[in-house]
Amino acid sequence: MPHSAVVRKDKETTKVRIVFDASSKGRDRTSLNEGLYVGPPLNPRIIDVILRFREYEHAFCSDIQGAFLTIGKAEEDRDYLRFFWFPNEERPNLTK
């Protein structure tokens, strides 16, 4: 894969770094980017998200992890704030 050195004189620790060019093509060859498997999109389609928002009268958006991490917790109380996560297939019946 073609690569080149980039020199940054303004940096103190790493003045030289290597840059790889995965989109370049060799003679009678394809680039590395063309040979990679892209796969299906992992983000939901925007039209699906909009239609689900219109399905109900009220819609809620939240960032539970971000909100939870901003709360200060005393060191001795952190053991009581742990979450249990079970995959749907292995979820035990906790109501018994």
PDB file of N, CA and C in Angstrom:
ATOM      1  N   MET A   1       0.847  -1.159   0.000  1.00  0.00           N
ATOM      2  CA  MET A   1       0.000   0.000   0.000  1.00  0.00           C
ATOM      3  C   MET A   1       0.903   1.235   0.000  1.00  0.00           C
ATOM      4  N   PRO A   2       0.634   2.185  -0.869  1.00  0.00           N
ATOM      5  CA  PRO A   2       1.470   3.387  -0.907  1.00  0.00           C
ATOM      6  C   PRO A   2       1.378   4.171   0.400  1.00  0.00           C
ATOM      7  N   HIS A   3       2.499   4.717   0.799  1.00  0.00           N
ATOM      8  CA  HIS A   3       2.528   5.521   2.010  1.00  0.00           C
ATOM      9  C   HIS A   3       3.551   6.629   1.837  1.00  0.00           C
ATOM     10  N   SER A   4       3.430   7.634   2.685  1.00  0.00           N
ATOM     11  CA  SER A   4       4.370   8.746   2.636  1.00  0.00           C
ATOM     12  C   SER A   4       4.538   9.296   4.040  1.00  0.00           C
ATOM     13  N   ALA A   5       5.581  10.059   4.228  1.00  0.00           N
ATOM     14  CA  ALA A   5       5.850  10.670   5.526  1.00  0.00           C
ATOM     15  C   ALA A   5       5.336  12.099   5.523  1.00  0.00           C
ATOM     16  N   VAL A   6       4.714  12.478   6.620  1.00  0.00           N
ATOM     17  CA  VAL A   6       4.254  13.850   6.801  1.00  0.00           C
ATOM     18  C   VAL A   6       5.069  14.440   7.939  1.00  0.00           C
ATOM     19  N   VAL A   7       5.731  15.559   7.665  1.00  0.00           N
ATOM     20  CA  VAL A   7       6.589  16.201   8.652  1.00  0.00           C
ATOM     21  C   VAL A   7       5.873  17.427   9.192  1.00  0.00           C
ATOM     22  N   ARG A   8       5.751  17.491  10.524  1.00  0.00           N
ATOM     23  CA  ARG A   8       5.146  18.644  11.188  1.00  0.00           C
ATOM     24  C   ARG A   8       6.194  19.245  12.117  1.00  0.00           C
ATOM     25  N   LYS A   9       6.740  20.372  11.740  1.00  0.00           N
ATOM     26  CA  LYS A   9       7.793  20.994  12.535  1.00  0.00           C
ATOM     27  C   LYS A   9       7.253  21.660  13.793  1.00  0.00           C
ATOM     28  N   ASP A  10       5.943  21.934  13.824  1.00  0.00           N
ATOM     29  CA  ASP A  10       5.369  22.602  14.989  1.00  0.00           C
ATOM     30  C   ASP A  10       5.061  21.640  16.135  1.00  0.00           C
ATOM     31  N   LYS A  11       5.142  20.338  15.924  1.00  0.00           N
ATOM     32  CA  LYS A  11       4.861  19.348  16.965  1.00  0.00           C
ATOM     33  C   LYS A  11       6.113  19.071  17.784  1.00  0.00           C
ATOM     34  N   GLU A  12       5.919  18.868  19.090  1.00  0.00           N
ATOM     35  CA  GLU A  12       7.050  18.610  19.979  1.00  0.00           C
ATOM     36  C   GLU A  12       7.416  17.130  20.044  1.00  0.00           C
ATOM     37  N   THR A  13       6.424  16.253  20.167  1.00  0.00           N
ATOM     38  CA  THR A  13       6.726  14.841  20.408  1.00  0.00           C
ATOM     39  C   THR A  13       6.853  14.036  19.129  1.00  0.00           C
ATOM     40  N   THR A  14       5.899  14.165  18.216  1.00  0.00           N
ATOM     41  CA  THR A  14       5.901  13.363  16.994  1.00  0.00           C
ATOM     42  C   THR A  14       5.973  14.293  15.796  1.00  0.00           C
ATOM     43  N   LYS A  15       7.155  14.508  15.290  1.00  0.00           N
ATOM     44  CA  LYS A  15       7.325  15.420  14.165  1.00  0.00           C
ATOM     45  C   LYS A  15       7.060  14.748  12.825  1.00  0.00           C
ATOM     46  N   VAL A  16       7.222  13.431  12.761  1.00  0.00           N
ATOM     47  CA  VAL A  16       7.025  12.697  11.513  1.00  0.00           C
ATOM     48  C   VAL A  16       6.000  11.597  11.758  1.00  0.00           C
ATOM     49  N   ARG A  17       5.031  11.495  10.862  1.00  0.00           N
ATOM     50  CA  ARG A  17       4.070  10.393  10.937  1.00  0.00           C
ATOM     51  C   ARG A  17       3.882   9.819   9.548  1.00  0.00           C
ATOM     52  N   ILE A  18       3.490   8.558   9.499  1.00  0.00           N
ATOM     53  CA  ILE A  18       3.300   7.864   8.230  1.00  0.00           C
ATOM     54  C   ILE A  18       1.824   7.916   7.863  1.00  0.00           C
ATOM     55  N   VAL A  19       1.544   8.243   6.613  1.00  0.00           N
ATOM     56  CA  VAL A  19       0.175   8.301   6.111  1.00  0.00           C
ATOM     57  C   VAL A  19       0.041   7.257   5.015  1.00  0.00           C
ATOM     58  N   PHE A  20      -0.936   6.357   5.163  1.00  0.00           N
ATOM     59  CA  PHE A  20      -1.198   5.312   4.177  1.00  0.00           C
ATOM     60  C   PHE A  20      -2.328   5.750   3.262  1.00  0.00           C
ATOM     61  N   ASP A  21      -2.230   5.400   1.985  1.00  0.00           N
ATOM     62  CA  ASP A  21      -3.245   5.768   0.999  1.00  0.00           C
ATOM     63  C   ASP A  21      -3.926   4.500   0.500  1.00  0.00           C
ATOM     64  N   ALA A  22      -5.047   4.142   1.143  1.00  0.00           N
ATOM     65  CA  ALA A  22      -5.757   2.913   0.789  1.00  0.00           C
ATOM     66  C   ALA A  22      -6.623   3.087  -0.446  1.00  0.00           C
ATOM     67  N   SER A  23      -6.784   4.313  -0.938  1.00  0.00           N
ATOM     68  CA  SER A  23      -7.618   4.521  -2.122  1.00  0.00           C
ATOM     69  C   SER A  23      -6.814   4.530  -3.416  1.00  0.00           C
ATOM     70  N   SER A  24      -5.497   4.440  -3.329  1.00  0.00           N
ATOM     71  CA  SER A  24      -4.698   4.453  -4.554  1.00  0.00           C
ATOM     72  C   SER A  24      -4.708   3.083  -5.216  1.00  0.00           C
ATOM     73  N   LYS A  25      -4.616   3.094  -6.538  1.00  0.00           N
ATOM     74  CA  LYS A  25      -4.639   1.855  -7.318  1.00  0.00           C
ATOM     75  C   LYS A  25      -3.263   1.631  -7.932  1.00  0.00           C
ATOM     76  N   GLY A  26      -2.820   0.396  -7.883  1.00  0.00           N
ATOM     77  CA  GLY A  26      -1.582   0.033  -8.550  1.00  0.00           C
ATOM     78  C   GLY A  26      -1.857  -0.317 -10.000  1.00  0.00           C
ATOM     79  N   ARG A  27      -0.809  -0.673 -10.725  1.00  0.00           N
ATOM     80  CA  ARG A  27      -0.991  -1.078 -12.113  1.00  0.00           C
ATOM     81  C   ARG A  27      -1.812  -2.351 -12.183  1.00  0.00           C
ATOM     82  N   ASP A  28      -2.908  -2.310 -12.901  1.00  0.00           N
ATOM     83  CA  ASP A  28      -3.792  -3.467 -13.096  1.00  0.00           C
ATOM     84  C   ASP A  28      -4.290  -4.052 -11.773  1.00  0.00           C
ATOM     85  N   ARG A  29      -4.468  -3.226 -10.765  1.00  0.00           N
ATOM     86  CA  ARG A  29      -4.957  -3.687  -9.462  1.00  0.00           C
ATOM     87  C   ARG A  29      -6.032  -2.738  -8.952  1.00  0.00           C
ATOM     88  N   THR A  30      -6.839  -3.246  -8.049  1.00  0.00           N
ATOM     89  CA  THR A  30      -7.836  -2.393  -7.405  1.00  0.00           C
ATOM     90  C   THR A  30      -7.262  -1.853  -6.103  1.00  0.00           C
ATOM     91  N   SER A  31      -7.882  -0.824  -5.582  1.00  0.00           N
ATOM     92  CA  SER A  31      -7.417  -0.250  -4.324  1.00  0.00           C
ATOM     93  C   SER A  31      -7.909  -1.100  -3.156  1.00  0.00           C
ATOM     94  N   LEU A  32      -7.314  -0.892  -2.002  1.00  0.00           N
ATOM     95  CA  LEU A  32      -7.738  -1.618  -0.808  1.00  0.00           C
ATOM     96  C   LEU A  32      -9.169  -1.237  -0.438  1.00  0.00           C
ATOM     97  N   ASN A  33      -9.527   0.022  -0.582  1.00  0.00           N
ATOM     98  CA  ASN A  33     -10.886   0.464  -0.264  1.00  0.00           C
ATOM     99  C   ASN A  33     -11.923  -0.229  -1.139  1.00  0.00           C
ATOM    100  N   GLU A  34     -11.597  -0.517  -2.385  1.00  0.00           N
ATOM    101  CA  GLU A  34     -12.550  -1.189  -3.271  1.00  0.00           C
ATOM    102  C   GLU A  34     -12.733  -2.653  -2.890  1.00  0.00           C
ATOM    103  N   GLY A  35     -11.761  -3.248  -2.235  1.00  0.00           N
ATOM    104  CA  GLY A  35     -11.845  -4.650  -1.873  1.00  0.00           C
ATOM    105  C   GLY A  35     -12.470  -4.915  -0.515  1.00  0.00           C
ATOM    106  N   LEU A  36     -12.726  -3.875   0.258  1.00  0.00           N
ATOM    107  CA  LEU A  36     -13.303  -4.066   1.586  1.00  0.00           C
ATOM    108  C   LEU A  36     -14.797  -4.324   1.497  1.00  0.00           C
ATOM    109  N   TYR A  37     -15.298  -5.181   2.375  1.00  0.00           N
ATOM    110  CA  TYR A  37     -16.733  -5.463   2.441  1.00  0.00           C
ATOM    111  C   TYR A  37     -17.404  -4.356   3.241  1.00  0.00           C
ATOM    112  N   VAL A  38     -18.347  -3.683   2.636  1.00  0.00           N
ATOM    113  CA  VAL A  38     -19.001  -2.552   3.282  1.00  0.00           C
ATOM    114  C   VAL A  38     -20.038  -3.030   4.286  1.00  0.00           C
ATOM    115  N   GLY A  39     -20.842  -3.996   3.930  1.00  0.00           N
ATOM    116  CA  GLY A  39     -21.868  -4.509   4.821  1.00  0.00           C
ATOM    117  C   GLY A  39     -23.112  -3.637   4.815  1.00  0.00           C
ATOM    118  N   PRO A  40     -24.146  -4.075   5.516  1.00  0.00           N
ATOM    119  CA  PRO A  40     -25.384  -3.301   5.549  1.00  0.00           C
ATOM    120  C   PRO A  40     -25.217  -2.071   6.438  1.00  0.00           C
ATOM    121  N   PRO A  41     -26.017  -1.044   6.230  1.00  0.00           N
ATOM    122  CA  PRO A  41     -25.938   0.127   7.110  1.00  0.00           C
ATOM    123  C   PRO A  41     -26.410  -0.243   8.516  1.00  0.00           C
ATOM    124  N   LEU A  42     -25.688   0.205   9.513  1.00  0.00           N
ATOM    125  CA  LEU A  42     -26.030  -0.134  10.886  1.00  0.00           C
ATOM    126  C   LEU A  42     -26.908   0.929  11.540  1.00  0.00           C
ATOM    127  N   ASN A  43     -26.946   2.112  10.982  1.00  0.00           N
ATOM    128  CA  ASN A  43     -27.815   3.158  11.512  1.00  0.00           C
ATOM    129  C   ASN A  43     -29.220   2.962  10.980  1.00  0.00           C
ATOM    130  N   PRO A  44     -30.235   3.273  11.790  1.00  0.00           N
ATOM    131  CA  PRO A  44     -31.602   3.139  11.286  1.00  0.00           C
ATOM    132  C   PRO A  44     -31.865   4.156  10.178  1.00  0.00           C
ATOM    133  N   ARG A  45     -32.711   3.768   9.255  1.00  0.00           N
ATOM    134  CA  ARG A  45     -33.056   4.705   8.196  1.00  0.00           C
ATOM    135  C   ARG A  45     -33.853   5.851   8.794  1.00  0.00           C
ATOM    136  N   ILE A  46     -33.607   7.067   8.332  1.00  0.00           N
ATOM    137  CA  ILE A  46     -34.246   8.244   8.913  1.00  0.00           C
ATOM    138  C   ILE A  46     -35.759   8.209   8.725  1.00  0.00           C
ATOM    139  N   ILE A  47     -36.240   7.659   7.622  1.00  0.00           N
ATOM    140  CA  ILE A  47     -37.686   7.603   7.406  1.00  0.00           C
ATOM    141  C   ILE A  47     -38.342   6.692   8.434  1.00  0.00           C
ATOM    142  N   ASP A  48     -37.680   5.595   8.822  1.00  0.00           N
ATOM    143  CA  ASP A  48     -38.224   4.712   9.855  1.00  0.00           C
ATOM    144  C   ASP A  48     -38.307   5.418  11.204  1.00  0.00           C
ATOM    145  N   VAL A  49     -37.289   6.201  11.522  1.00  0.00           N
ATOM    146  CA  VAL A  49     -37.287   6.932  12.793  1.00  0.00           C
ATOM    147  C   VAL A  49     -38.411   7.962  12.815  1.00  0.00           C
ATOM    148  N   ILE A  50     -38.580   8.691  11.726  1.00  0.00           N
ATOM    149  CA  ILE A  50     -39.635   9.715  11.666  1.00  0.00           C
ATOM    150  C   ILE A  50     -41.011   9.079  11.765  1.00  0.00           C
ATOM    151  N   LEU A  51     -41.226   7.980  11.083  1.00  0.00           N
ATOM    152  CA  LEU A  51     -42.532   7.323  11.137  1.00  0.00           C
ATOM    153  C   LEU A  51     -42.836   6.788  12.532  1.00  0.00           C
ATOM    154  N   ARG A  52     -41.837   6.296  13.235  1.00  0.00           N
ATOM    155  CA  ARG A  52     -42.078   5.827  14.600  1.00  0.00           C
ATOM    156  C   ARG A  52     -42.408   6.987  15.529  1.00  0.00           C
ATOM    157  N   PHE A  53     -41.816   8.158  15.297  1.00  0.00           N
ATOM    158  CA  PHE A  53     -42.137   9.320  16.114  1.00  0.00           C
ATOM    159  C   PHE A  53     -43.576   9.764  15.886  1.00  0.00           C
ATOM    160  N   ARG A  54     -44.093   9.579  14.702  1.00  0.00           N
ATOM    161  CA  ARG A  54     -45.461  10.004  14.405  1.00  0.00           C
ATOM    162  C   ARG A  54     -46.499   8.987  14.874  1.00  0.00           C
ATOM    163  N   GLU A  55     -46.067   7.826  15.314  1.00  0.00           N
ATOM    164  CA  GLU A  55     -46.990   6.759  15.678  1.00  0.00           C
ATOM    165  C   GLU A  55     -47.766   7.073  16.960  1.00  0.00           C
ATOM    166  N   TYR A  56     -47.146   7.758  17.905  1.00  0.00           N
ATOM    167  CA  TYR A  56     -47.768   8.033  19.196  1.00  0.00           C
ATOM    168  C   TYR A  56     -47.950   9.535  19.394  1.00  0.00           C
ATOM    169  N   GLU A  57     -48.745   9.877  20.393  1.00  0.00           N
ATOM    170  CA  GLU A  57     -48.998  11.290  20.667  1.00  0.00           C
ATOM    171  C   GLU A  57     -47.779  11.973  21.277  1.00  0.00           C
ATOM    172  N   HIS A  58     -47.039  11.254  22.117  1.00  0.00           N
ATOM    173  CA  HIS A  58     -45.865  11.812  22.789  1.00  0.00           C
ATOM    174  C   HIS A  58     -44.625  11.022  22.383  1.00  0.00           C
ATOM    175  N   ALA A  59     -43.508  11.729  22.278  1.00  0.00           N
ATOM    176  CA  ALA A  59     -42.236  11.082  21.955  1.00  0.00           C
ATOM    177  C   ALA A  59     -41.180  11.576  22.933  1.00  0.00           C
ATOM    178  N   PHE A  60     -40.305  10.683  23.335  1.00  0.00           N
ATOM    179  CA  PHE A  60     -39.254  11.025  24.285  1.00  0.00           C
ATOM    180  C   PHE A  60     -37.901  10.685  23.680  1.00  0.00           C
ATOM    181  N   CYS A  61     -36.953  11.573  23.891  1.00  0.00           N
ATOM    182  CA  CYS A  61     -35.567  11.335  23.492  1.00  0.00           C
ATOM    183  C   CYS A  61     -34.709  11.518  24.733  1.00  0.00           C
ATOM    184  N   SER A  62     -33.748  10.640  24.917  1.00  0.00           N
ATOM    185  CA  SER A  62     -32.894  10.791  26.092  1.00  0.00           C
ATOM    186  C   SER A  62     -31.556  10.106  25.849  1.00  0.00           C
ATOM    187  N   ASP A  63     -30.618  10.503  26.643  1.00  0.00           N
ATOM    188  CA  ASP A  63     -29.303   9.874  26.661  1.00  0.00           C
ATOM    189  C   ASP A  63     -29.071   9.404  28.091  1.00  0.00           C
ATOM    190  N   ILE A  64     -29.538   8.204  28.395  1.00  0.00           N
ATOM    191  CA  ILE A  64     -29.491   7.702  29.764  1.00  0.00           C
ATOM    192  C   ILE A  64     -28.052   7.595  30.259  1.00  0.00           C
ATOM    193  N   GLN A  65     -27.182   7.067  29.425  1.00  0.00           N
ATOM    194  CA  GLN A  65     -25.795   6.896  29.851  1.00  0.00           C
ATOM    195  C   GLN A  65     -25.152   8.252  30.118  1.00  0.00           C
ATOM    196  N   GLY A  66     -25.364   9.208  29.214  1.00  0.00           N
ATOM    197  CA  GLY A  66     -24.781  10.530  29.407  1.00  0.00           C
ATOM    198  C   GLY A  66     -25.332  11.222  30.634  1.00  0.00           C
ATOM    199  N   ALA A  67     -26.635  11.105  30.864  1.00  0.00           N
ATOM    200  CA  ALA A  67     -27.240  11.731  32.038  1.00  0.00           C
ATOM    201  C   ALA A  67     -26.757  11.064  33.318  1.00  0.00           C
ATOM    202  N   PHE A  68     -26.647   9.752  33.318  1.00  0.00           N
ATOM    203  CA  PHE A  68     -26.236   9.034  34.524  1.00  0.00           C
ATOM    204  C   PHE A  68     -24.786   9.339  34.881  1.00  0.00           C
ATOM    205  N   LEU A  69     -23.932   9.477  33.875  1.00  0.00           N
ATOM    206  CA  LEU A  69     -22.514   9.701  34.152  1.00  0.00           C
ATOM    207  C   LEU A  69     -22.221  11.105  34.657  1.00  0.00           C
ATOM    208  N   THR A  70     -23.150  12.051  34.487  1.00  0.00           N
ATOM    209  CA  THR A  70     -22.917  13.414  34.966  1.00  0.00           C
ATOM    210  C   THR A  70     -23.260  13.574  36.435  1.00  0.00           C
ATOM    211  N   ILE A  71     -23.903  12.585  37.038  1.00  0.00           N
ATOM    212  CA  ILE A  71     -24.282  12.662  38.447  1.00  0.00           C
ATOM    213  C   ILE A  71     -23.095  12.233  39.293  1.00  0.00           C
ATOM    214  N   GLY A  72     -22.755  13.045  40.290  1.00  0.00           N
ATOM    215  CA  GLY A  72     -21.675  12.679  41.193  1.00  0.00           C
ATOM    216  C   GLY A  72     -22.137  11.601  42.159  1.00  0.00           C
ATOM    217  N   LYS A  73     -21.321  10.573  42.335  1.00  0.00           N
ATOM    218  CA  LYS A  73     -21.672   9.464  43.219  1.00  0.00           C
ATOM    219  C   LYS A  73     -20.539   9.259  44.214  1.00  0.00           C
ATOM    220  N   ALA A  74     -20.905   9.080  45.476  1.00  0.00           N
ATOM    221  CA  ALA A  74     -19.889   8.802  46.489  1.00  0.00           C
ATOM    222  C   ALA A  74     -19.289   7.423  46.228  1.00  0.00           C
ATOM    223  N   GLU A  75     -18.025   7.280  46.527  1.00  0.00           N
ATOM    224  CA  GLU A  75     -17.313   6.025  46.264  1.00  0.00           C
ATOM    225  C   GLU A  75     -17.980   4.841  46.959  1.00  0.00           C
ATOM    226  N   GLU A  76     -18.436   5.026  48.177  1.00  0.00           N
ATOM    227  CA  GLU A  76     -19.031   3.905  48.921  1.00  0.00           C
ATOM    228  C   GLU A  76     -20.421   3.531  48.417  1.00  0.00           C
ATOM    229  N   ASP A  77     -21.067   4.395  47.622  1.00  0.00           N
ATOM    230  CA  ASP A  77     -22.413   4.112  47.109  1.00  0.00           C
ATOM    231  C   ASP A  77     -22.413   3.510  45.709  1.00  0.00           C
ATOM    232  N   ARG A  78     -21.285   3.429  45.060  1.00  0.00           N
ATOM    233  CA  ARG A  78     -21.248   2.993  43.658  1.00  0.00           C
ATOM    234  C   ARG A  78     -21.623   1.526  43.475  1.00  0.00           C
ATOM    235  N   ASP A  79     -21.385   0.688  44.470  1.00  0.00           N
ATOM    236  CA  ASP A  79     -21.759  -0.725  44.351  1.00  0.00           C
ATOM    237  C   ASP A  79     -23.265  -0.905  44.276  1.00  0.00           C
ATOM    238  N   TYR A  80     -24.040   0.033  44.824  1.00  0.00           N
ATOM    239  CA  TYR A  80     -25.496  -0.077  44.818  1.00  0.00           C
ATOM    240  C   TYR A  80     -26.115   0.480  43.541  1.00  0.00           C
ATOM    241  N   LEU A  81     -25.327   1.051  42.670  1.00  0.00           N
ATOM    242  CA  LEU A  81     -25.833   1.683  41.453  1.00  0.00           C
ATOM    243  C   LEU A  81     -25.480   0.909  40.192  1.00  0.00           C
ATOM    244  N   ARG A  82     -25.167  -0.349  40.318  1.00  0.00           N
ATOM    245  CA  ARG A  82     -24.814  -1.154  39.149  1.00  0.00           C
ATOM    246  C   ARG A  82     -26.065  -1.656  38.450  1.00  0.00           C
ATOM    247  N   PHE A  83     -25.980  -1.806  37.135  1.00  0.00           N
ATOM    248  CA  PHE A  83     -27.093  -2.299  36.332  1.00  0.00           C
ATOM    249  C   PHE A  83     -26.821  -3.744  35.935  1.00  0.00           C
ATOM    250  N   PHE A  84     -27.877  -4.542  35.894  1.00  0.00           N
ATOM    251  CA  PHE A  84     -27.775  -5.903  35.375  1.00  0.00           C
ATOM    252  C   PHE A  84     -28.337  -5.902  33.968  1.00  0.00           C
ATOM    253  N   TRP A  85     -27.641  -6.549  33.052  1.00  0.00           N
ATOM    254  CA  TRP A  85     -28.087  -6.595  31.663  1.00  0.00           C
ATOM    255  C   TRP A  85     -28.134  -8.045  31.223  1.00  0.00           C
ATOM    256  N   PHE A  86     -29.308  -8.456  30.781  1.00  0.00           N
ATOM    257  CA  PHE A  86     -29.478  -9.814  30.291  1.00  0.00           C
ATOM    258  C   PHE A  86     -29.900  -9.748  28.837  1.00  0.00           C
ATOM    259  N   PRO A  87     -29.262 -10.518  27.960  1.00  0.00           N
ATOM    260  CA  PRO A  87     -29.775 -10.615  26.594  1.00  0.00           C
ATOM    261  C   PRO A  87     -31.185 -11.203  26.629  1.00  0.00           C
ATOM    262  N   ASN A  88     -32.003 -10.854  25.666  1.00  0.00           N
ATOM    263  CA  ASN A  88     -33.402 -11.276  25.662  1.00  0.00           C
ATOM    264  C   ASN A  88     -33.558 -12.790  25.737  1.00  0.00           C
ATOM    265  N   GLU A  89     -32.663 -13.541  25.116  1.00  0.00           N
ATOM    266  CA  GLU A  89     -32.791 -14.991  25.112  1.00  0.00           C
ATOM    267  C   GLU A  89     -32.502 -15.584  26.486  1.00  0.00           C
ATOM    268  N   GLU A  90     -31.649 -14.938  27.247  1.00  0.00           N
ATOM    269  CA  GLU A  90     -31.214 -15.504  28.516  1.00  0.00           C
ATOM    270  C   GLU A  90     -31.817 -14.784  29.713  1.00  0.00           C
ATOM    271  N   ARG A  91     -32.810 -13.950  29.501  1.00  0.00           N
ATOM    272  CA  ARG A  91     -33.375 -13.160  30.591  1.00  0.00           C
ATOM    273  C   ARG A  91     -34.077 -14.069  31.598  1.00  0.00           C
ATOM    274  N   PRO A  92     -33.636 -14.065  32.842  1.00  0.00           N
ATOM    275  CA  PRO A  92     -34.331 -14.867  33.845  1.00  0.00           C
ATOM    276  C   PRO A  92     -35.624 -14.175  34.263  1.00  0.00           C
ATOM    277  N   ASN A  93     -36.537 -14.932  34.809  1.00  0.00           N
ATOM    278  CA  ASN A  93     -37.790 -14.367  35.291  1.00  0.00           C
ATOM    279  C   ASN A  93     -37.534 -13.813  36.688  1.00  0.00           C
ATOM    280  N   LEU A  94     -37.358 -12.498  36.804  1.00  0.00           N
ATOM    281  CA  LEU A  94     -36.998 -11.879  38.072  1.00  0.00           C
ATOM    282  C   LEU A  94     -38.203 -11.614  38.954  1.00  0.00           C
ATOM    283  N   THR A  95     -39.418 -11.879  38.478  1.00  0.00           N
ATOM    284  CA  THR A  95     -40.612 -11.590  39.273  1.00  0.00           C
ATOM    285  C   THR A  95     -41.018 -12.750  40.159  1.00  0.00           C
ATOM    286  N   LYS A  96     -40.399 -13.890  40.025  1.00  0.00           N
ATOM    287  CA  LYS A  96     -40.764 -15.054  40.846  1.00  0.00           C
ATOM    288  C   LYS A  96     -40.271 -14.905  42.256  1.00  0.00           C
TER     289      LYS A  96
END
